[in-house]
């Protein structure tokens, strides 16, 4: 029981640390001048997400 609770806190904490790490990586890459490339990749991801979302609409 206590192990399950601790595991849950560990998972939440690890996702938080992972998110902060990705944020820091993005800030570092933007500081080094890779901002336009990151913006291009973001646009591609947004378009792909929209296409997949339209494909997931139930037919009928």
C-alpha atoms as a PDB file:
ATOM      1  CA  UNK A   1       0.000   0.000   0.000  1.00  0.00           C
ATOM      2  CA  UNK A   2       2.650   2.534   1.014  1.00  0.00           C
ATOM      3  CA  UNK A   3       4.859   1.293  -1.820  1.00  0.00           C
ATOM      4  CA  UNK A   4       2.106   2.092  -4.334  1.00  0.00           C
ATOM      5  CA  UNK A   5       1.764   5.616  -2.973  1.00  0.00           C
ATOM      6  CA  UNK A   6       5.516   6.169  -3.044  1.00  0.00           C
ATOM      7  CA  UNK A   7       5.687   4.796  -6.582  1.00  0.00           C
ATOM      8  CA  UNK A   8       2.980   7.260  -7.627  1.00  0.00           C
ATOM      9  CA  UNK A   9       4.894  10.181  -6.123  1.00  0.00           C
ATOM     10  CA  UNK A  10       8.050   8.925  -7.821  1.00  0.00           C
ATOM     11  CA  UNK A  11       6.291   8.838 -11.195  1.00  0.00           C
ATOM     12  CA  UNK A  12       4.862  12.335 -10.741  1.00  0.00           C
ATOM     13  CA  UNK A  13       8.245  13.651  -9.686  1.00  0.00           C
ATOM     14  CA  UNK A  14      10.048  12.010 -12.577  1.00  0.00           C
ATOM     15  CA  UNK A  15       7.595  13.457 -15.118  1.00  0.00           C
ATOM     16  CA  UNK A  16       8.067  16.895 -13.545  1.00  0.00           C
ATOM     17  CA  UNK A  17      11.858  16.578 -13.775  1.00  0.00           C
ATOM     18  CA  UNK A  18      11.579  15.367 -17.376  1.00  0.00           C
ATOM     19  CA  UNK A  19       9.397  18.367 -18.248  1.00  0.00           C
ATOM     20  CA  UNK A  20      11.842  20.804 -16.669  1.00  0.00           C
ATOM     21  CA  UNK A  21      14.675  19.092 -18.548  1.00  0.00           C
ATOM     22  CA  UNK A  22      12.927  19.464 -21.911  1.00  0.00           C
ATOM     23  CA  UNK A  23      12.125  23.097 -21.099  1.00  0.00           C
ATOM     24  CA  UNK A  24      15.787  23.757 -20.256  1.00  0.00           C
ATOM     25  CA  UNK A  25      16.919  22.020 -23.452  1.00  0.00           C
ATOM     26  CA  UNK A  26      14.585  24.215 -25.499  1.00  0.00           C
ATOM     27  CA  UNK A  27      15.874  27.360 -23.770  1.00  0.00           C
ATOM     28  CA  UNK A  28      19.474  26.274 -24.411  1.00  0.00           C
ATOM     29  CA  UNK A  29      18.823  25.562 -28.088  1.00  0.00           C
ATOM     30  CA  UNK A  30      17.034  28.903 -28.526  1.00  0.00           C
ATOM     31  CA  UNK A  31      19.931  30.711 -26.837  1.00  0.00           C
ATOM     32  CA  UNK A  32      22.346  29.065 -29.277  1.00  0.00           C
ATOM     33  CA  UNK A  33      20.351  30.367 -32.260  1.00  0.00           C
ATOM     34  CA  UNK A  34      18.226  27.353 -33.161  1.00  0.00           C
ATOM     35  CA  UNK A  35      14.921  29.169 -32.528  1.00  0.00           C
ATOM     36  CA  UNK A  36      13.699  29.231 -36.167  1.00  0.00           C
ATOM     37  CA  UNK A  37      14.347  25.496 -36.542  1.00  0.00           C
ATOM     38  CA  UNK A  38      12.436  24.781 -33.333  1.00  0.00           C
ATOM     39  CA  UNK A  39       9.546  26.930 -34.584  1.00  0.00           C
ATOM     40  CA  UNK A  40       9.510  24.976 -37.868  1.00  0.00           C
ATOM     41  CA  UNK A  41       9.448  21.662 -36.013  1.00  0.00           C
ATOM     42  CA  UNK A  42       6.654  22.970 -33.781  1.00  0.00           C
ATOM     43  CA  UNK A  43       4.581  23.922 -36.827  1.00  0.00           C
ATOM     44  CA  UNK A  44       5.073  20.479 -38.355  1.00  0.00           C
ATOM     45  CA  UNK A  45       4.054  18.806 -35.099  1.00  0.00           C
ATOM     46  CA  UNK A  46       0.922  20.948 -34.813  1.00  0.00           C
ATOM     47  CA  UNK A  47      -0.126  20.130 -38.402  1.00  0.00           C
ATOM     48  CA  UNK A  48       0.530  16.412 -37.882  1.00  0.00           C
ATOM     49  CA  UNK A  49      -1.450  16.451 -34.639  1.00  0.00           C
ATOM     50  CA  UNK A  50      -4.392  18.133 -36.398  1.00  0.00           C
ATOM     51  CA  UNK A  51      -4.347  15.546 -39.208  1.00  0.00           C
ATOM     52  CA  UNK A  52      -4.231  12.639 -36.778  1.00  0.00           C
ATOM     53  CA  UNK A  53      -7.006  14.188 -34.713  1.00  0.00           C
ATOM     54  CA  UNK A  54      -9.211  14.474 -37.814  1.00  0.00           C
ATOM     55  CA  UNK A  55      -8.442  10.852 -38.670  1.00  0.00           C
ATOM     56  CA  UNK A  56      -9.538   9.718 -35.219  1.00  0.00           C
ATOM     57  CA  UNK A  57     -13.082  11.056 -35.620  1.00  0.00           C
ATOM     58  CA  UNK A  58     -15.550   8.165 -35.529  1.00  0.00           C
ATOM     59  CA  UNK A  59     -17.141   7.389 -38.872  1.00  0.00           C
ATOM     60  CA  UNK A  60     -20.894   7.158 -38.956  1.00  0.00           C
END
